[in-house]
């Protein structure tokens, strides 16, 4: 029987943890920090971490977004996510 796959604690992929950050650029309620997302004392996450998470979870976030009229911070900062594709790092 294969072993259970575990998430790395330093890279949470939980959309609920990233939602506030994708929406505003800040972790106002501490959900991201509680999930292991590194933020500074003002609640701002590391830009490279957000970019990576946006590539993986951005389309899923936009699909469940109830307010389609207001553009989320992550769209303004990083553009539209690539649907279902991951970019290779070089």
Protein backbone atom coordinates (compact mmCIF):
# COMPACT_ATOMS: atom_id res chain seq x y z
CA UNK A 1 0.00 0.00 0.00
CA UNK A 2 1.50 3.39 -0.95
CA UNK A 3 2.29 5.89 1.73
CA UNK A 4 0.04 8.87 2.28
CA UNK A 5 1.27 11.97 0.53
CA UNK A 6 1.92 14.87 2.86
CA UNK A 7 2.10 18.54 2.07
CA UNK A 8 5.23 20.46 2.83
CA UNK A 9 4.62 22.68 5.81
CA UNK A 10 6.45 25.60 4.25
CA UNK A 11 4.24 25.59 1.07
CA UNK A 12 0.58 25.34 1.99
CA UNK A 13 -1.66 24.79 -1.01
CA UNK A 14 -4.92 25.35 0.78
CA UNK A 15 -7.01 27.85 -1.15
CA UNK A 16 -8.73 29.08 2.01
CA UNK A 17 -5.36 30.12 3.45
CA UNK A 18 -4.43 32.06 0.30
CA UNK A 19 -7.83 33.66 -0.44
CA UNK A 20 -7.38 36.85 1.60
CA UNK A 21 -3.87 37.32 0.27
CA UNK A 22 -5.03 36.86 -3.33
CA UNK A 23 -7.87 39.32 -2.74
CA UNK A 24 -5.98 42.09 -0.96
CA UNK A 25 -2.24 41.36 -0.84
CA UNK A 26 -2.33 41.11 2.96
CA UNK A 27 -3.11 38.42 5.51
CA UNK A 28 -5.53 40.47 7.63
CA UNK A 29 -7.04 37.63 9.68
CA UNK A 30 -3.95 35.47 10.12
CA UNK A 31 -5.34 32.50 8.18
CA UNK A 32 -2.27 32.35 5.98
CA UNK A 33 0.17 32.63 8.86
CA UNK A 34 -1.71 29.89 10.73
CA UNK A 35 -1.39 27.67 7.63
CA UNK A 36 2.36 28.26 7.41
CA UNK A 37 2.55 31.10 4.88
CA UNK A 38 5.46 33.37 5.74
CA UNK A 39 4.34 36.96 6.32
CA UNK A 40 6.06 40.01 7.76
CA UNK A 41 4.81 41.86 10.83
CA UNK A 42 2.36 43.81 8.64
CA UNK A 43 0.78 40.67 7.14
CA UNK A 44 2.48 40.95 3.74
CA UNK A 45 3.66 37.64 2.29
CA UNK A 46 6.83 37.06 0.30
CA UNK A 47 6.10 38.02 -3.34
CA UNK A 48 7.74 34.93 -4.84
CA UNK A 49 5.64 32.66 -2.62
CA UNK A 50 2.45 34.42 -3.69
CA UNK A 51 3.43 34.23 -7.37
CA UNK A 52 4.02 30.50 -7.07
CA UNK A 53 0.73 29.92 -5.25
CA UNK A 54 -1.10 32.13 -7.76
CA UNK A 55 0.19 30.01 -10.63
CA UNK A 56 -1.11 26.87 -8.94
CA UNK A 57 -4.32 28.10 -7.28
CA UNK A 58 -5.25 31.29 -9.12
CA UNK A 59 -7.79 29.86 -11.54
CA UNK A 60 -9.49 27.92 -8.76
CA UNK A 61 -9.66 31.13 -6.70
CA UNK A 62 -11.19 33.11 -9.57
CA UNK A 63 -13.75 30.36 -10.25
CA UNK A 64 -15.09 30.51 -6.68
CA UNK A 65 -14.85 34.30 -6.33
CA UNK A 66 -18.35 35.68 -5.54
CA UNK A 67 -17.55 39.32 -6.39
CA UNK A 68 -16.64 39.30 -10.08
CA UNK A 69 -16.76 43.12 -10.41
CA UNK A 70 -13.80 44.01 -8.19
CA UNK A 71 -10.45 42.90 -9.52
CA UNK A 72 -8.38 40.98 -6.92
CA UNK A 73 -4.92 42.21 -5.97
CA UNK A 74 -3.24 39.09 -7.38
CA UNK A 75 -4.72 39.72 -10.85
CA UNK A 76 -3.41 43.30 -10.80
CA UNK A 77 -0.01 42.16 -9.55
CA UNK A 78 0.57 38.96 -11.53
CA UNK A 79 -2.04 38.92 -14.30
CA UNK A 80 -4.46 36.15 -15.15
CA UNK A 81 -3.36 32.70 -13.99
CA UNK A 82 -2.53 30.10 -16.58
CA UNK A 83 -5.45 27.67 -16.42
CA UNK A 84 -4.25 24.23 -15.48
CA UNK A 85 -0.64 24.85 -16.48
CA UNK A 86 2.44 25.27 -14.37
CA UNK A 87 5.37 27.33 -15.49
CA UNK A 88 8.81 25.81 -15.33
CA UNK A 89 11.38 27.56 -13.25
CA UNK A 90 14.72 28.06 -14.89
